[in-house]
Structures are given as C-alpha cells and as structure tokens.
N, C-alpha and C. Protein backbone atom coordinates (compact mmCIF):
# COMPACT_ATOMS: atom_id res chain seq x y z
N MET A 1 12.68 42.49 7.33
CA MET A 1 12.34 43.68 8.12
C MET A 1 11.55 44.71 7.26
N ASP A 2 10.56 45.34 7.97
CA ASP A 2 9.73 46.32 7.29
C ASP A 2 10.56 47.48 6.77
N LYS A 3 9.92 48.05 5.62
CA LYS A 3 10.59 49.29 5.05
C LYS A 3 9.92 50.50 5.67
N GLY A 4 10.66 51.56 5.67
CA GLY A 4 10.08 52.82 6.19
C GLY A 4 11.04 53.93 6.19
N ILE A 5 10.88 54.89 7.08
CA ILE A 5 11.68 55.98 7.32
C ILE A 5 11.84 56.12 8.83
N TYR A 6 12.92 56.95 9.23
CA TYR A 6 13.15 56.99 10.68
C TYR A 6 13.85 58.29 10.96
N CYS A 7 13.71 58.72 12.15
CA CYS A 7 14.47 59.87 12.72
C CYS A 7 15.27 59.41 13.85
N LEU A 8 16.50 59.70 13.88
CA LEU A 8 17.43 59.53 15.06
C LEU A 8 17.41 60.90 15.80
N ILE A 9 17.09 60.90 17.10
CA ILE A 9 17.23 62.08 17.84
C ILE A 9 18.47 61.92 18.68
N LEU A 10 19.50 62.87 18.38
CA LEU A 10 20.74 62.89 19.02
C LEU A 10 20.73 64.11 20.07
N GLU A 11 21.27 63.87 21.21
CA GLU A 11 21.53 64.96 22.20
C GLU A 11 23.01 65.11 22.18
N ASN A 12 23.42 66.42 22.31
CA ASN A 12 24.86 66.62 22.27
C ASN A 12 25.28 67.88 23.04
N ARG A 13 26.58 67.95 23.40
CA ARG A 13 27.15 69.04 23.92
C ARG A 13 27.81 69.76 22.84
N PRO A 14 28.23 71.01 23.01
CA PRO A 14 28.73 71.81 21.89
C PRO A 14 30.09 71.20 21.40
N VAL A 15 30.26 71.11 20.07
CA VAL A 15 31.47 70.52 19.51
C VAL A 15 31.59 70.75 18.07
N PHE A 16 32.91 70.89 17.55
CA PHE A 16 33.11 70.82 16.18
C PHE A 16 33.47 69.42 15.87
N VAL A 17 32.89 68.90 14.66
CA VAL A 17 33.15 67.58 14.19
C VAL A 17 33.49 67.71 12.70
N SER A 18 34.48 66.97 12.34
CA SER A 18 34.94 66.85 10.97
C SER A 18 33.99 65.75 10.13
N ILE A 19 33.26 66.26 9.28
CA ILE A 19 32.26 65.40 8.71
C ILE A 19 32.74 65.26 7.17
N GLY A 20 33.69 64.22 6.92
CA GLY A 20 33.99 63.92 5.48
C GLY A 20 34.30 65.18 4.70
N ALA A 21 33.63 65.13 3.42
CA ALA A 21 33.82 66.30 2.49
C ALA A 21 33.07 67.59 2.94
N LEU A 22 32.18 67.45 3.93
CA LEU A 22 31.56 68.74 4.48
C LEU A 22 32.61 69.60 5.35
N GLY A 23 33.67 68.89 5.76
CA GLY A 23 34.50 69.69 6.60
C GLY A 23 34.30 69.71 8.06
N ASN A 24 34.87 70.62 8.77
CA ASN A 24 34.70 70.75 10.20
C ASN A 24 33.46 71.75 10.49
N LEU A 25 32.50 71.05 11.13
CA LEU A 25 31.18 71.77 11.36
C LEU A 25 30.91 72.02 12.90
N TRP A 26 30.32 73.14 13.11
CA TRP A 26 30.05 73.40 14.57
C TRP A 26 28.56 72.89 14.93
N PHE A 27 28.48 72.22 15.99
CA PHE A 27 27.24 71.67 16.40
C PHE A 27 26.84 72.27 17.73
N PRO A 28 26.02 73.18 17.95
CA PRO A 28 25.68 73.74 19.32
C PRO A 28 24.99 72.74 20.20
N ALA A 29 25.13 72.98 21.38
CA ALA A 29 24.48 72.07 22.38
C ALA A 29 22.92 72.00 22.21
N GLY A 30 22.39 70.89 22.32
CA GLY A 30 20.97 70.63 22.14
C GLY A 30 20.68 69.29 21.59
N PHE A 31 19.64 69.33 20.57
CA PHE A 31 19.22 68.11 19.92
C PHE A 31 19.42 68.20 18.49
N HIS A 32 19.83 67.14 17.78
CA HIS A 32 19.89 67.05 16.33
C HIS A 32 18.99 65.96 15.93
N ILE A 33 18.33 66.18 14.87
CA ILE A 33 17.38 65.20 14.26
C ILE A 33 17.86 64.64 12.88
N TYR A 34 18.14 63.47 12.71
CA TYR A 34 18.59 63.04 11.49
C TYR A 34 17.47 62.16 10.84
N VAL A 35 17.04 62.52 9.68
CA VAL A 35 16.00 61.76 8.95
C VAL A 35 16.69 60.79 7.93
N GLY A 36 16.21 59.62 7.97
CA GLY A 36 16.87 58.49 7.16
C GLY A 36 15.79 57.65 6.46
N SER A 37 16.22 57.04 5.43
CA SER A 37 15.39 56.17 4.60
C SER A 37 15.68 54.79 4.95
N ALA A 38 14.70 53.98 5.03
CA ALA A 38 14.94 52.40 5.22
C ALA A 38 14.22 51.76 4.11
N GLN A 39 14.37 52.06 2.92
CA GLN A 39 13.64 51.49 1.75
C GLN A 39 14.41 50.37 1.18
N GLY A 40 15.73 50.24 1.45
CA GLY A 40 16.54 49.24 0.86
C GLY A 40 16.20 47.77 1.40
N PRO A 41 16.92 46.83 0.90
CA PRO A 41 16.75 45.42 1.28
C PRO A 41 16.57 45.08 2.73
N GLY A 42 17.41 45.77 3.54
CA GLY A 42 17.34 45.59 5.04
C GLY A 42 16.26 46.28 5.78
N GLY A 43 15.56 47.17 5.00
CA GLY A 43 14.49 47.82 5.66
C GLY A 43 14.93 48.60 6.94
N LEU A 44 13.99 48.63 7.98
CA LEU A 44 14.33 49.31 9.20
C LEU A 44 15.38 48.73 10.01
N SER A 45 16.04 47.68 9.64
CA SER A 45 17.23 47.14 10.30
C SER A 45 18.40 48.14 10.14
N ARG A 46 18.28 49.01 9.26
CA ARG A 46 19.37 50.08 9.15
C ARG A 46 19.52 50.85 10.53
N VAL A 47 18.37 50.98 11.24
CA VAL A 47 18.46 51.64 12.54
C VAL A 47 19.27 50.96 13.46
N SER A 48 19.26 49.58 13.40
CA SER A 48 20.13 48.70 14.26
C SER A 48 21.53 48.91 13.90
N ARG A 49 21.91 49.16 12.64
CA ARG A 49 23.20 49.30 12.13
C ARG A 49 23.68 50.67 12.82
N HIS A 50 22.90 51.80 12.87
CA HIS A 50 23.19 53.04 13.51
C HIS A 50 23.51 52.91 14.88
N LEU A 51 22.69 52.12 15.60
CA LEU A 51 22.81 51.90 17.09
C LEU A 51 24.21 51.10 17.37
N ALA A 52 24.48 50.17 16.56
CA ALA A 52 25.71 49.33 16.62
C ALA A 52 26.93 50.23 16.36
N PHE A 53 26.84 51.08 15.39
CA PHE A 53 27.88 51.94 15.00
C PHE A 53 28.20 52.90 16.16
N ALA A 54 27.22 53.43 16.73
CA ALA A 54 27.28 54.33 17.88
C ALA A 54 28.02 53.62 19.05
N ARG A 55 27.91 52.40 19.20
CA ARG A 55 28.57 51.57 20.28
C ARG A 55 29.96 51.22 19.84
N GLY A 56 30.30 51.66 18.69
CA GLY A 56 31.76 51.37 18.40
C GLY A 56 31.94 50.19 17.45
N GLU A 57 30.88 49.57 17.14
CA GLU A 57 30.86 48.36 16.26
C GLU A 57 30.96 48.79 14.74
N GLY A 58 31.57 47.96 13.99
CA GLY A 58 31.71 48.26 12.49
C GLY A 58 32.94 48.95 12.20
N ARG A 59 33.13 49.13 10.95
CA ARG A 59 34.28 49.83 10.43
C ARG A 59 34.01 51.29 10.35
N GLY A 60 35.00 52.01 9.66
CA GLY A 60 34.96 53.46 9.54
C GLY A 60 33.63 54.07 9.02
N PRO A 61 33.52 55.42 9.09
CA PRO A 61 32.19 56.05 8.69
C PRO A 61 31.93 55.90 7.19
N ARG A 62 30.63 55.65 7.00
CA ARG A 62 30.10 55.42 5.65
C ARG A 62 29.20 56.60 5.20
N TRP A 63 28.43 57.04 6.17
CA TRP A 63 27.52 58.15 5.97
C TRP A 63 27.87 59.36 6.80
N HIS A 64 27.33 60.51 6.49
CA HIS A 64 27.59 61.76 7.38
C HIS A 64 27.20 61.36 8.77
N ILE A 65 26.07 60.79 8.99
CA ILE A 65 25.56 60.55 10.35
C ILE A 65 26.63 59.80 11.18
N ASP A 66 27.42 58.91 10.58
CA ASP A 66 28.40 58.10 11.30
C ASP A 66 29.39 59.01 12.04
N TYR A 67 29.74 60.15 11.49
CA TYR A 67 30.74 60.96 12.21
C TYR A 67 30.13 61.51 13.50
N LEU A 68 28.89 61.72 13.50
CA LEU A 68 28.22 62.20 14.83
C LEU A 68 28.08 61.03 15.81
N LEU A 69 27.64 59.84 15.14
CA LEU A 69 27.40 58.70 16.06
C LEU A 69 28.80 58.26 16.74
N ARG A 70 29.86 58.54 16.22
CA ARG A 70 31.12 58.12 16.86
C ARG A 70 31.73 59.26 17.75
N SER A 71 31.10 60.44 17.71
CA SER A 71 31.67 61.52 18.49
C SER A 71 31.30 61.27 19.91
N PRO A 72 32.18 61.38 20.86
CA PRO A 72 31.84 61.26 22.31
C PRO A 72 30.84 62.26 22.83
N ARG A 73 30.72 63.47 22.11
CA ARG A 73 29.90 64.48 22.44
C ARG A 73 28.43 64.31 22.11
N PHE A 74 28.03 63.25 21.30
CA PHE A 74 26.76 62.98 20.87
C PHE A 74 26.34 61.73 21.46
N ARG A 75 25.07 61.56 21.70
CA ARG A 75 24.46 60.32 22.24
C ARG A 75 23.07 60.20 21.54
N ILE A 76 22.68 59.02 21.26
CA ILE A 76 21.32 58.74 20.65
C ILE A 76 20.38 58.77 21.77
N ASP A 77 19.44 59.78 21.77
CA ASP A 77 18.42 59.87 22.79
C ASP A 77 17.27 58.92 22.43
N SER A 78 16.78 59.00 21.18
CA SER A 78 15.67 58.07 20.89
C SER A 78 15.55 57.91 19.40
N VAL A 79 14.80 57.03 18.99
CA VAL A 79 14.55 56.88 17.48
C VAL A 79 13.12 56.83 17.29
N VAL A 80 12.61 57.44 16.18
CA VAL A 80 11.21 57.34 15.70
C VAL A 80 11.17 56.79 14.37
N CYS A 81 10.45 55.70 14.22
CA CYS A 81 10.32 55.01 13.00
C CYS A 81 8.83 55.07 12.54
N ALA A 82 8.69 54.84 11.21
CA ALA A 82 7.28 54.71 10.64
C ALA A 82 7.42 53.81 9.50
N GLY A 83 6.70 52.71 9.44
CA GLY A 83 6.66 51.88 8.28
C GLY A 83 5.98 52.48 7.06
N THR A 84 6.54 52.40 5.87
CA THR A 84 5.96 52.86 4.70
C THR A 84 6.71 52.24 3.49
N LEU A 85 6.05 52.09 2.41
CA LEU A 85 6.71 51.64 1.15
C LEU A 85 6.88 52.78 0.34
N GLU A 86 6.52 53.95 0.66
CA GLU A 86 6.63 55.21 -0.13
C GLU A 86 8.03 55.84 0.24
N PRO A 87 8.69 56.40 -0.75
CA PRO A 87 9.95 57.19 -0.46
C PRO A 87 9.66 58.52 0.09
N LEU A 88 9.34 58.61 1.40
CA LEU A 88 8.87 59.91 1.95
C LEU A 88 10.01 60.57 2.80
N GLU A 89 11.14 60.04 2.80
CA GLU A 89 12.30 60.67 3.59
C GLU A 89 12.43 62.19 3.33
N CYS A 90 12.49 62.60 1.97
CA CYS A 90 12.75 63.94 1.69
C CYS A 90 11.53 64.85 2.10
N ARG A 91 10.25 64.33 1.95
CA ARG A 91 9.15 65.11 2.34
C ARG A 91 9.10 65.36 3.77
N LEU A 92 9.52 64.35 4.54
CA LEU A 92 9.56 64.41 5.97
C LEU A 92 10.65 65.43 6.37
N ALA A 93 11.79 65.51 5.62
CA ALA A 93 12.79 66.44 5.97
C ALA A 93 12.25 67.92 5.81
N THR A 94 11.40 68.13 4.85
CA THR A 94 10.87 69.51 4.77
C THR A 94 9.91 69.84 5.86
N LEU A 95 9.52 68.96 6.61
CA LEU A 95 8.43 69.21 7.73
C LEU A 95 9.01 69.18 9.09
N LEU A 96 10.17 68.73 9.12
CA LEU A 96 10.80 68.60 10.60
C LEU A 96 11.10 69.99 11.23
N PRO A 97 10.96 70.05 12.53
CA PRO A 97 11.23 71.29 13.21
C PRO A 97 12.73 71.44 13.31
N GLY A 98 13.23 72.63 13.41
CA GLY A 98 14.64 72.98 13.66
C GLY A 98 15.30 73.60 12.51
N ILE A 99 16.55 73.84 12.73
CA ILE A 99 17.41 74.51 11.76
C ILE A 99 18.25 73.63 11.08
N PRO A 100 18.18 73.69 9.65
CA PRO A 100 18.99 72.73 9.02
C PRO A 100 20.41 72.80 9.00
N VAL A 101 21.22 71.74 8.90
CA VAL A 101 22.66 71.78 8.86
C VAL A 101 22.82 71.54 7.27
N PRO A 102 23.19 72.64 6.57
CA PRO A 102 23.31 72.48 5.12
C PRO A 102 24.15 71.38 4.55
N GLY A 103 23.61 70.60 3.60
CA GLY A 103 24.42 69.60 2.96
C GLY A 103 24.52 68.26 3.73
N PHE A 104 24.00 68.23 4.88
CA PHE A 104 24.30 67.02 5.72
C PHE A 104 23.18 65.90 5.28
N GLY A 105 23.81 64.80 5.04
CA GLY A 105 22.88 63.61 4.74
C GLY A 105 22.15 63.60 3.54
N CYS A 106 22.33 64.62 2.72
CA CYS A 106 21.52 64.61 1.57
C CYS A 106 22.30 64.69 0.11
N SER A 107 23.36 63.99 0.15
CA SER A 107 24.14 64.01 -1.08
C SER A 107 23.54 63.20 -2.29
N ASP A 108 22.57 62.41 -1.96
CA ASP A 108 21.85 61.68 -3.09
C ASP A 108 20.47 62.29 -3.38
N CYS A 109 20.13 63.54 -2.92
CA CYS A 109 18.89 64.18 -3.20
C CYS A 109 19.04 65.66 -3.31
N ARG A 110 17.98 66.39 -3.53
CA ARG A 110 18.04 67.77 -3.64
C ARG A 110 17.72 68.59 -2.34
N CYS A 111 17.59 67.88 -1.38
CA CYS A 111 17.18 68.50 -0.08
C CYS A 111 18.23 69.49 0.33
N THR A 112 17.86 70.48 1.21
CA THR A 112 18.86 71.28 1.88
C THR A 112 19.64 70.58 2.95
N SER A 113 18.89 69.65 3.71
CA SER A 113 19.56 68.92 4.72
C SER A 113 18.74 67.81 5.11
N HIS A 114 19.32 66.83 5.76
CA HIS A 114 18.64 65.71 6.43
C HIS A 114 19.02 65.66 7.90
N LEU A 115 19.56 66.78 8.44
CA LEU A 115 19.98 66.93 9.83
C LEU A 115 19.43 68.38 10.29
N PHE A 116 18.78 68.32 11.38
CA PHE A 116 18.23 69.57 11.96
C PHE A 116 18.55 69.83 13.43
N PHE A 117 18.86 71.06 13.78
CA PHE A 117 19.13 71.35 15.12
C PHE A 117 17.91 71.94 15.88
N SER A 118 17.80 71.62 17.12
CA SER A 118 16.72 72.14 17.93
C SER A 118 17.33 72.22 19.34
N PRO A 119 17.01 73.41 20.01
CA PRO A 119 17.52 73.54 21.40
C PRO A 119 16.69 72.78 22.36
N ARG A 120 15.51 72.32 22.03
CA ARG A 120 14.61 71.52 22.79
C ARG A 120 14.35 70.14 22.16
N HIS A 121 13.93 69.20 23.02
CA HIS A 121 13.71 68.00 22.55
C HIS A 121 12.56 68.00 21.48
N PRO A 122 12.76 67.39 20.27
CA PRO A 122 11.87 67.65 19.04
C PRO A 122 10.97 66.49 18.86
N GLY A 123 10.61 65.69 19.92
CA GLY A 123 9.80 64.49 19.75
C GLY A 123 8.42 64.80 19.22
N GLU A 124 7.76 65.79 19.85
CA GLU A 124 6.39 66.21 19.42
C GLU A 124 6.33 66.74 17.99
N GLY A 125 7.38 67.49 17.64
CA GLY A 125 7.41 67.99 16.31
C GLY A 125 7.64 66.97 15.17
N ILE A 126 8.42 65.95 15.52
CA ILE A 126 8.67 64.70 14.56
C ILE A 126 7.33 63.96 14.37
N ALA A 127 6.64 63.70 15.56
CA ALA A 127 5.37 63.03 15.58
C ALA A 127 4.41 63.78 14.68
N GLY A 128 4.32 65.01 14.83
CA GLY A 128 3.45 65.86 14.05
C GLY A 128 3.81 65.83 12.63
N ALA A 129 5.04 65.91 12.22
CA ALA A 129 5.51 65.81 10.84
C ALA A 129 5.08 64.53 10.18
N MET A 130 5.37 63.38 10.95
CA MET A 130 4.95 62.11 10.41
C MET A 130 3.51 62.00 10.29
N ALA A 131 2.73 62.42 11.24
CA ALA A 131 1.20 62.40 11.12
C ALA A 131 0.71 63.15 10.02
N SER A 132 1.46 64.31 9.52
CA SER A 132 0.91 65.02 8.43
C SER A 132 1.10 64.32 7.09
N LEU A 133 2.08 63.29 7.14
CA LEU A 133 2.24 62.45 6.04
C LEU A 133 1.47 61.05 6.02
N SER A 134 0.51 61.04 7.04
CA SER A 134 -0.36 59.92 7.35
C SER A 134 0.52 58.68 7.81
N LEU A 135 1.54 58.96 8.46
CA LEU A 135 2.37 57.80 8.92
C LEU A 135 2.09 57.74 10.49
N THR A 136 2.32 56.49 10.98
CA THR A 136 2.14 56.23 12.43
C THR A 136 3.49 56.06 13.02
N PRO A 137 3.87 57.05 13.82
CA PRO A 137 5.29 56.92 14.36
C PRO A 137 5.38 55.89 15.56
N CYS A 138 6.44 55.27 15.72
CA CYS A 138 6.79 54.44 16.75
C CYS A 138 8.06 54.93 17.33
N SER A 139 8.13 55.26 18.66
CA SER A 139 9.34 55.68 19.19
C SER A 139 10.02 54.85 20.25
N LYS A 140 11.24 55.00 20.39
CA LYS A 140 11.97 54.09 21.35
C LYS A 140 13.02 55.02 21.95
N THR A 141 13.05 55.14 23.39
CA THR A 141 14.08 55.89 23.97
C THR A 141 15.27 54.97 24.16
N ILE A 142 16.50 55.39 23.88
CA ILE A 142 17.76 54.56 24.02
C ILE A 142 18.26 54.98 25.42
N LYS A 143 18.47 54.01 26.20
CA LYS A 143 19.13 54.02 27.51
C LYS A 143 20.70 53.92 27.34
N GLY A 144 21.27 54.83 28.22
CA GLY A 144 22.86 54.78 28.14
C GLY A 144 23.42 55.92 27.80
C-alpha cells in the first residue's frame, strides 16, 4: 500500500469523551479533522484500520483518535488522503483550518495538536492545505 498522510473528517454531536491520559474532553457539535501519518509498513492501509475500528472491529483503543471513533456521537464523514514519501503530517497540521484540541494525537511530536474543530465542513480547507504542500488530495465520503 502506498505511503502518505491523511485527514479523517468526523462529524459529531456535542459530547464529553474520556481520551486516555488526556482525560475527559469536551467536543462541541460540528466537524473534527484528525491528521495522521501513513509512513509505516502498512502505508495508507492505516485508514482501513480506522474505518474498521469505527465499526467496532478490533480490540481496545490504541491511539487518541480511537476514543472518538468508538463514541456513538462521532461518525466518519469522509477521508482525504495524499500519497507522499515525505513525513509531512506535522506540517499539514500547522496548515489545517480550525481550532486545535491541545495535545490530541501528537504525543510523538512537538505539535500543538493533530485534531482540529470546525463548525463547518472543512473539506476545502484541507484540500487547500494539502495543495500548499504540493500534495494531490484524494477524498472519499463515507456512507452510513
């Protein structure tokens, strides 16, 4: 599978969710963008793991995003991927629209966050951020 980076666009109703060591966090209604890296051996197949986890497959949470994927108040709206061999996840995170959720998804880097809140659908903002990094985004809407 190709290597790259991706954004999960989640739509949610307002909710508190307990996120591992981050504790109980408030998530207002709207959209949340999670930026992830797919540079490991499985490449972009990591996205398939997120989709399966959201359907209830697999064991307990491994990453911060898993807590949201298992919450009944969150649903995956769409996924935007871009193939790249460069580690651009953190640079993309600095360009994404929205309000950062401090400490989320960035325990292995120095970023403020890898999760961002937007009251409106962020698809165009994500496409623009990827284009500014010379990436070609490919998006897929998730039904259900």
